[in-house]
Amino acid sequence: MNKTLINDFNEIVTGRRSIRNYDPAVKISREEMTEILTTATLAPSSVNLQPWRFVVIDSPEGKATLAPLAKFNQNQVATSAAMIAVFADMNSIDYADEIYGKAVEQGLMPAEVRDAQLPAIKGLVSTLSPEQLKEMNLIDAGLVSMQLMLAARAHGYDTNPIGGYEKDQIAEAFGMDKERYYPVMLISIGKAIDKGYQSVRLPVDAITEWK
């Protein structure tokens, strides 16, 4: 791909807006979307289990399925290049062997470290209650979601994180096991047709204590 990325971190962060109206003519190729998601997945996660899972909804059929589940966000569904549903995989421990095995294969971790850490990680996860596991996964999925939005900005696109949708229905609507995949948020992505608006942030002195 020949597209020039934005490398000005200050511009990426300070220029981010929650955009609700996009240019419907602008599409994002699967290749470029894969690049954005790949950058997003560099986010940290608890013991590197990477519990995030994405459903990229960019076809007319997919958007038609999503529309009734996101009743208060119809502009985003209709005009965005894609809606990305972010889920937390409650069975992410199933990938531990693969993740740590590849780390050894790529020379990122000695085999003896893997062999010591994997049983400890599996033991820890097995002791977590469903609520504790969900809380851990939601934190990790939140981290990847923010990184996804910044990655989109670096590619010249705009986003909007959405929490108001039918979370009890979205997994099954897209053929996923709702007991395994817990919905975190929707993220619209595309090219803004307006600048959005700036919003006020509390001053750091009002929200921070120094000890």
C-alpha atoms as a PDB file:
ATOM      1  CA  MET A   1       0.000   0.000   0.000  1.00  0.00           C
ATOM      2  CA  ASN A   2       1.247   3.484  -0.922  1.00  0.00           C
ATOM      3  CA  LYS A   3      -0.892   5.533   1.435  1.00  0.00           C
ATOM      4  CA  THR A   4       1.125   7.916   3.608  1.00  0.00           C
ATOM      5  CA  LEU A   5       0.397   7.523   7.303  1.00  0.00           C
ATOM      6  CA  ILE A   6       0.107  10.417   9.724  1.00  0.00           C
ATOM      7  CA  ASN A   7       3.133  10.272  12.008  1.00  0.00           C
ATOM      8  CA  ASP A   8       2.382  13.329  14.160  1.00  0.00           C
ATOM      9  CA  PHE A   9       1.276  11.826  17.476  1.00  0.00           C
ATOM     10  CA  ASN A  10      -0.023  15.159  18.772  1.00  0.00           C
ATOM     11  CA  GLU A  11      -2.188  15.584  15.673  1.00  0.00           C
ATOM     12  CA  ILE A  12      -3.491  12.026  15.977  1.00  0.00           C
ATOM     13  CA  VAL A  13      -4.531  12.508  19.594  1.00  0.00           C
ATOM     14  CA  THR A  14      -5.710  16.105  19.676  1.00  0.00           C
ATOM     15  CA  GLY A  15      -7.469  15.840  16.322  1.00  0.00           C
ATOM     16  CA  ARG A  16      -9.575  12.861  17.308  1.00  0.00           C
ATOM     17  CA  ARG A  17     -13.322  13.518  17.424  1.00  0.00           C
ATOM     18  CA  SER A  18     -16.303  11.259  17.891  1.00  0.00           C
ATOM     19  CA  ILE A  19     -17.736  11.460  14.390  1.00  0.00           C
ATOM     20  CA  ARG A  20     -21.334  10.620  13.580  1.00  0.00           C
ATOM     21  CA  ASN A  21     -21.533  11.568   9.897  1.00  0.00           C
ATOM     22  CA  TYR A  22     -19.214  10.030   7.321  1.00  0.00           C
ATOM     23  CA  ASP A  23     -18.717  10.217   3.582  1.00  0.00           C
ATOM     24  CA  PRO A  24     -20.551   7.088   2.387  1.00  0.00           C
ATOM     25  CA  ALA A  25     -18.495   7.038  -0.808  1.00  0.00           C
ATOM     26  CA  VAL A  26     -15.285   6.344   1.123  1.00  0.00           C
ATOM     27  CA  LYS A  27     -14.517   2.662   1.591  1.00  0.00           C
ATOM     28  CA  ILE A  28     -11.644   0.968   3.386  1.00  0.00           C
ATOM     29  CA  SER A  29     -10.036  -1.994   1.690  1.00  0.00           C
ATOM     30  CA  ARG A  30      -9.642  -5.252   3.547  1.00  0.00           C
ATOM     31  CA  GLU A  31      -5.878  -4.825   3.231  1.00  0.00           C
ATOM     32  CA  GLU A  32      -5.898  -1.422   4.924  1.00  0.00           C
ATOM     33  CA  MET A  33      -8.400  -2.493   7.571  1.00  0.00           C
ATOM     34  CA  THR A  34      -6.120  -5.414   8.366  1.00  0.00           C
ATOM     35  CA  GLU A  35      -3.235  -2.966   8.835  1.00  0.00           C
ATOM     36  CA  ILE A  36      -5.332  -0.841  11.218  1.00  0.00           C
ATOM     37  CA  LEU A  37      -6.404  -3.874  13.238  1.00  0.00           C
ATOM     38  CA  THR A  38      -2.855  -5.211  13.321  1.00  0.00           C
ATOM     39  CA  THR A  39      -1.642  -1.941  14.823  1.00  0.00           C
ATOM     40  CA  ALA A  40      -4.505  -2.019  17.327  1.00  0.00           C
ATOM     41  CA  THR A  41      -3.528  -5.486  18.497  1.00  0.00           C
ATOM     42  CA  LEU A  42      -0.155  -4.205  19.672  1.00  0.00           C
ATOM     43  CA  ALA A  43      -2.067  -3.010  22.748  1.00  0.00           C
ATOM     44  CA  PRO A  44      -1.142  -4.677  26.039  1.00  0.00           C
ATOM     45  CA  SER A  45      -3.281  -7.378  27.617  1.00  0.00           C
ATOM     46  CA  SER A  46      -3.249  -9.398  30.814  1.00  0.00           C
ATOM     47  CA  VAL A  47      -0.559 -12.089  30.522  1.00  0.00           C
ATOM     48  CA  ASN A  48      -0.692 -11.409  26.778  1.00  0.00           C
ATOM     49  CA  LEU A  49      -3.860 -13.443  26.226  1.00  0.00           C
ATOM     50  CA  GLN A  50      -5.222 -10.870  23.731  1.00  0.00           C
ATOM     51  CA  PRO A  51      -8.905 -11.574  24.427  1.00  0.00           C
ATOM     52  CA  TRP A  52     -10.189  -9.084  21.870  1.00  0.00           C
ATOM     53  CA  ARG A  53     -12.114 -10.283  18.835  1.00  0.00           C
ATOM     54  CA  PHE A  54     -13.390  -8.122  15.961  1.00  0.00           C
ATOM     55  CA  VAL A  55     -16.314  -8.359  13.575  1.00  0.00           C
ATOM     56  CA  VAL A  56     -15.869  -5.876  10.713  1.00  0.00           C
ATOM     57  CA  ILE A  57     -19.307  -5.025   9.381  1.00  0.00           C
ATOM     58  CA  ASP A  58     -18.859  -3.327   6.015  1.00  0.00           C
ATOM     59  CA  SER A  59     -21.236  -5.069   3.623  1.00  0.00           C
ATOM     60  CA  PRO A  60     -24.797  -3.889   2.922  1.00  0.00           C
ATOM     61  CA  GLU A  61     -26.065  -7.186   4.329  1.00  0.00           C
ATOM     62  CA  GLY A  62     -24.009  -6.847   7.492  1.00  0.00           C
ATOM     63  CA  LYS A  63     -25.133  -3.283   8.051  1.00  0.00           C
ATOM     64  CA  ALA A  64     -28.754  -4.284   7.500  1.00  0.00           C
ATOM     65  CA  THR A  65     -28.336  -6.873  10.246  1.00  0.00           C
ATOM     66  CA  LEU A  66     -26.729  -4.335  12.565  1.00  0.00           C
ATOM     67  CA  ALA A  67     -29.078  -1.400  11.957  1.00  0.00           C
ATOM     68  CA  PRO A  68     -31.987  -2.561  14.167  1.00  0.00           C
ATOM     69  CA  LEU A  69     -29.513  -3.372  16.949  1.00  0.00           C
ATOM     70  CA  ALA A  70     -28.052   0.160  16.921  1.00  0.00           C
ATOM     71  CA  LYS A  71     -31.254   2.184  16.759  1.00  0.00           C
ATOM     72  CA  PHE A  72     -29.762   5.400  18.128  1.00  0.00           C
ATOM     73  CA  ASN A  73     -26.729   5.345  15.850  1.00  0.00           C
ATOM     74  CA  GLN A  74     -28.256   5.042  12.410  1.00  0.00           C
ATOM     75  CA  ASN A  75     -26.061   7.718  10.807  1.00  0.00           C
ATOM     76  CA  GLN A  76     -22.920   5.872  11.773  1.00  0.00           C
ATOM     77  CA  VAL A  77     -24.249   2.557  10.516  1.00  0.00           C
ATOM     78  CA  ALA A  78     -25.468   4.000   7.222  1.00  0.00           C
ATOM     79  CA  THR A  79     -22.573   6.295   6.308  1.00  0.00           C
ATOM     80  CA  SER A  80     -19.439   4.756   7.842  1.00  0.00           C
ATOM     81  CA  ALA A  81     -17.028   2.692   5.809  1.00  0.00           C
ATOM     82  CA  ALA A  82     -17.462   0.000   8.462  1.00  0.00           C
ATOM     83  CA  MET A  83     -18.766  -0.710  11.907  1.00  0.00           C
ATOM     84  CA  ILE A  84     -16.362  -2.745  14.011  1.00  0.00           C
ATOM     85  CA  ALA A  85     -17.900  -4.825  16.786  1.00  0.00           C
ATOM     86  CA  VAL A  86     -15.364  -5.485  19.535  1.00  0.00           C
ATOM     87  CA  PHE A  87     -15.903  -8.585  21.663  1.00  0.00           C
ATOM     88  CA  ALA A  88     -14.061 -10.132  24.594  1.00  0.00           C
ATOM     89  CA  ASP A  89     -13.382 -13.843  24.175  1.00  0.00           C
ATOM     90  CA  MET A  90     -14.104 -15.519  27.496  1.00  0.00           C
ATOM     91  CA  ASN A  91     -12.107 -18.549  26.302  1.00  0.00           C
ATOM     92  CA  SER A  92      -8.964 -16.623  25.393  1.00  0.00           C
ATOM     93  CA  ILE A  93      -6.895 -18.998  27.564  1.00  0.00           C
ATOM     94  CA  ASP A  94      -7.362 -21.546  24.761  1.00  0.00           C
ATOM     95  CA  TYR A  95      -4.801 -19.561  22.749  1.00  0.00           C
ATOM     96  CA  ALA A  96      -2.134 -19.459  25.441  1.00  0.00           C
ATOM     97  CA  ASP A  97      -0.127 -22.388  24.051  1.00  0.00           C
ATOM     98  CA  GLU A  98      -0.149 -20.872  20.560  1.00  0.00           C
ATOM     99  CA  ILE A  99       0.833 -17.390  21.764  1.00  0.00           C
ATOM    100  CA  TYR A 100       3.654 -18.521  24.004  1.00  0.00           C
ATOM    101  CA  GLY A 101       4.789 -21.174  21.543  1.00  0.00           C
ATOM    102  CA  LYS A 102       5.177 -18.595  18.787  1.00  0.00           C
ATOM    103  CA  ALA A 103       7.075 -16.330  21.179  1.00  0.00           C
ATOM    104  CA  VAL A 104       9.619 -19.124  21.597  1.00  0.00           C
ATOM    105  CA  GLU A 105       9.740 -19.873  17.851  1.00  0.00           C
ATOM    106  CA  GLN A 106      10.411 -16.209  17.077  1.00  0.00           C
ATOM    107  CA  GLY A 107      13.160 -15.941  19.663  1.00  0.00           C
ATOM    108  CA  LEU A 108      11.187 -13.562  21.875  1.00  0.00           C
ATOM    109  CA  MET A 109      11.137 -15.875  24.876  1.00  0.00           C
ATOM    110  CA  PRO A 110      13.322 -18.766  26.075  1.00  0.00           C
ATOM    111  CA  ALA A 111      11.544 -22.115  26.093  1.00  0.00           C
ATOM    112  CA  GLU A 112      12.212 -22.556  29.812  1.00  0.00           C
ATOM    113  CA  VAL A 113      10.425 -19.270  30.552  1.00  0.00           C
ATOM    114  CA  ARG A 114       7.417 -20.405  28.542  1.00  0.00           C
ATOM    115  CA  ASP A 115       7.388 -23.762  30.288  1.00  0.00           C
ATOM    116  CA  ALA A 116       7.424 -22.049  33.676  1.00  0.00           C
ATOM    117  CA  GLN A 117       4.865 -19.357  32.864  1.00  0.00           C
ATOM    118  CA  LEU A 118       2.194 -21.326  31.016  1.00  0.00           C
ATOM    119  CA  PRO A 119       1.170 -23.588  33.926  1.00  0.00           C
ATOM    120  CA  ALA A 120       1.109 -20.566  36.248  1.00  0.00           C
ATOM    121  CA  ILE A 121      -1.052 -18.562  33.832  1.00  0.00           C
ATOM    122  CA  LYS A 122      -3.479 -21.423  33.249  1.00  0.00           C
ATOM    123  CA  GLY A 123      -3.685 -22.004  36.987  1.00  0.00           C
ATOM    124  CA  LEU A 124      -4.409 -18.354  37.661  1.00  0.00           C
ATOM    125  CA  VAL A 125      -7.117 -18.082  35.012  1.00  0.00           C
ATOM    126  CA  SER A 126      -8.773 -21.270  36.270  1.00  0.00           C
ATOM    127  CA  THR A 127      -9.240 -19.667  39.691  1.00  0.00           C
ATOM    128  CA  LEU A 128     -10.994 -16.558  38.390  1.00  0.00           C
ATOM    129  CA  SER A 129     -14.746 -16.265  38.744  1.00  0.00           C
ATOM    130  CA  PRO A 130     -16.708 -15.442  35.569  1.00  0.00           C
ATOM    131  CA  GLU A 131     -17.056 -11.858  36.775  1.00  0.00           C
ATOM    132  CA  GLN A 132     -13.337 -11.520  37.478  1.00  0.00           C
ATOM    133  CA  LEU A 133     -12.493 -12.937  34.064  1.00  0.00           C
ATOM    134  CA  LYS A 134     -14.980 -10.596  32.388  1.00  0.00           C
ATOM    135  CA  GLU A 135     -13.524  -7.598  34.216  1.00  0.00           C
ATOM    136  CA  MET A 136      -9.998  -8.526  33.126  1.00  0.00           C
ATOM    137  CA  ASN A 137     -11.086  -9.017  29.530  1.00  0.00           C
ATOM    138  CA  LEU A 138     -13.074  -5.776  29.421  1.00  0.00           C
ATOM    139  CA  ILE A 139     -10.017  -3.790  30.487  1.00  0.00           C
ATOM    140  CA  ASP A 140      -7.946  -5.423  27.757  1.00  0.00           C
ATOM    141  CA  ALA A 141     -10.667  -4.913  25.136  1.00  0.00           C
ATOM    142  CA  GLY A 142     -10.912  -1.256  26.141  1.00  0.00           C
ATOM    143  CA  LEU A 143      -7.180  -0.839  25.583  1.00  0.00           C
ATOM    144  CA  VAL A 144      -7.327  -2.360  22.101  1.00  0.00           C
ATOM    145  CA  SER A 145     -10.369  -0.247  21.231  1.00  0.00           C
ATOM    146  CA  MET A 146      -8.605   3.010  22.044  1.00  0.00           C
ATOM    147  CA  GLN A 147      -5.549   1.894  20.119  1.00  0.00           C
ATOM    148  CA  LEU A 148      -7.780   0.991  17.167  1.00  0.00           C
ATOM    149  CA  MET A 149      -9.208   4.506  17.100  1.00  0.00           C
ATOM    150  CA  LEU A 150      -5.745   6.054  17.162  1.00  0.00           C
ATOM    151  CA  ALA A 151      -4.554   3.682  14.441  1.00  0.00           C
ATOM    152  CA  ALA A 152      -7.533   4.733  12.329  1.00  0.00           C
ATOM    153  CA  ARG A 153      -6.537   8.382  12.790  1.00  0.00           C
ATOM    154  CA  ALA A 154      -3.012   7.567  11.643  1.00  0.00           C
ATOM    155  CA  HIS A 155      -4.541   6.189   8.441  1.00  0.00           C
ATOM    156  CA  GLY A 156      -6.572   9.362   7.959  1.00  0.00           C
ATOM    157  CA  TYR A 157      -9.916   8.020   9.147  1.00  0.00           C
ATOM    158  CA  ASP A 158     -12.286   9.028  11.912  1.00  0.00           C
ATOM    159  CA  THR A 159     -14.157   6.967  14.477  1.00  0.00           C
ATOM    160  CA  ASN A 160     -16.853   6.948  17.118  1.00  0.00           C
ATOM    161  CA  PRO A 161     -17.002   4.505  20.044  1.00  0.00           C
ATOM    162  CA  ILE A 162     -20.560   3.373  20.682  1.00  0.00           C
ATOM    163  CA  GLY A 163     -21.889   1.684  23.799  1.00  0.00           C
ATOM    164  CA  GLY A 164     -25.604   2.046  23.163  1.00  0.00           C
ATOM    165  CA  TYR A 165     -26.783  -0.974  21.206  1.00  0.00           C
ATOM    166  CA  GLU A 166     -28.497  -4.319  21.786  1.00  0.00           C
ATOM    167  CA  LYS A 167     -25.610  -6.116  23.444  1.00  0.00           C
ATOM    168  CA  ASP A 168     -27.743  -9.114  24.323  1.00  0.00           C
ATOM    169  CA  GLN A 169     -28.442  -9.779  20.642  1.00  0.00           C
ATOM    170  CA  ILE A 170     -25.372  -8.789  18.645  1.00  0.00           C
ATOM    171  CA  ALA A 171     -23.286 -11.940  19.078  1.00  0.00           C
ATOM    172  CA  GLU A 172     -26.024 -14.267  17.864  1.00  0.00           C
ATOM    173  CA  ALA A 173     -26.960 -11.851  15.076  1.00  0.00           C
ATOM    174  CA  PHE A 174     -23.508 -12.398  13.600  1.00  0.00           C
ATOM    175  CA  GLY A 175     -23.312 -16.118  14.250  1.00  0.00           C
ATOM    176  CA  MET A 176     -21.253 -16.014  17.429  1.00  0.00           C
ATOM    177  CA  ASP A 177     -21.654 -17.900  20.690  1.00  0.00           C
ATOM    178  CA  LYS A 178     -23.030 -15.272  23.095  1.00  0.00           C
ATOM    179  CA  GLU A 179     -21.850 -17.254  26.107  1.00  0.00           C
ATOM    180  CA  ARG A 180     -18.264 -17.080  24.859  1.00  0.00           C
ATOM    181  CA  TYR A 181     -18.078 -13.690  23.160  1.00  0.00           C
ATOM    182  CA  TYR A 182     -18.986 -10.732  25.354  1.00  0.00           C
ATOM    183  CA  PRO A 183     -19.771  -7.471  23.508  1.00  0.00           C
ATOM    184  CA  VAL A 184     -17.595  -4.505  24.466  1.00  0.00           C
ATOM    185  CA  MET A 185     -18.417  -1.712  22.017  1.00  0.00           C
ATOM    186  CA  LEU A 186     -19.086  -0.756  18.440  1.00  0.00           C
ATOM    187  CA  ILE A 187     -16.633   1.514  16.664  1.00  0.00           C
ATOM    188  CA  SER A 188     -17.699   3.321  13.512  1.00  0.00           C
ATOM    189  CA  ILE A 189     -14.887   4.147  11.103  1.00  0.00           C
ATOM    190  CA  GLY A 190     -14.767   6.195   7.940  1.00  0.00           C
ATOM    191  CA  LYS A 191     -14.023   9.654   6.535  1.00  0.00           C
ATOM    192  CA  ALA A 192     -15.776  12.467   8.373  1.00  0.00           C
ATOM    193  CA  ILE A 193     -17.890  14.912   6.367  1.00  0.00           C
ATOM    194  CA  ASP A 194     -17.789  17.403   9.236  1.00  0.00           C
ATOM    195  CA  LYS A 195     -15.200  18.238  11.856  1.00  0.00           C
ATOM    196  CA  GLY A 196     -17.223  17.028  14.804  1.00  0.00           C
ATOM    197  CA  TYR A 197     -16.815  19.134  17.892  1.00  0.00           C
ATOM    198  CA  GLN A 198     -14.339  19.592  20.647  1.00  0.00           C
ATOM    199  CA  SER A 199     -15.399  18.714  24.159  1.00  0.00           C
ATOM    200  CA  VAL A 200     -14.272  19.930  27.552  1.00  0.00           C
ATOM    201  CA  ARG A 201     -11.838  17.927  29.651  1.00  0.00           C
ATOM    202  CA  LEU A 202     -11.458  18.360  33.379  1.00  0.00           C
ATOM    203  CA  PRO A 203      -8.097  19.869  34.324  1.00  0.00           C
ATOM    204  CA  VAL A 204      -5.479  17.406  35.485  1.00  0.00           C
ATOM    205  CA  ASP A 205      -5.235  19.160  38.850  1.00  0.00           C
ATOM    206  CA  ALA A 206      -8.911  18.382  39.478  1.00  0.00           C
ATOM    207  CA  ILE A 207      -8.606  14.663  38.809  1.00  0.00           C
ATOM    208  CA  THR A 208      -5.123  13.869  40.076  1.00  0.00           C
ATOM    209  CA  GLU A 209      -3.614  13.475  43.506  1.00  0.00           C
ATOM    210  CA  TRP A 210       0.128  13.650  44.075  1.00  0.00           C
ATOM    211  CA  LYS A 211       1.487  11.606  46.958  1.00  0.00           C
END
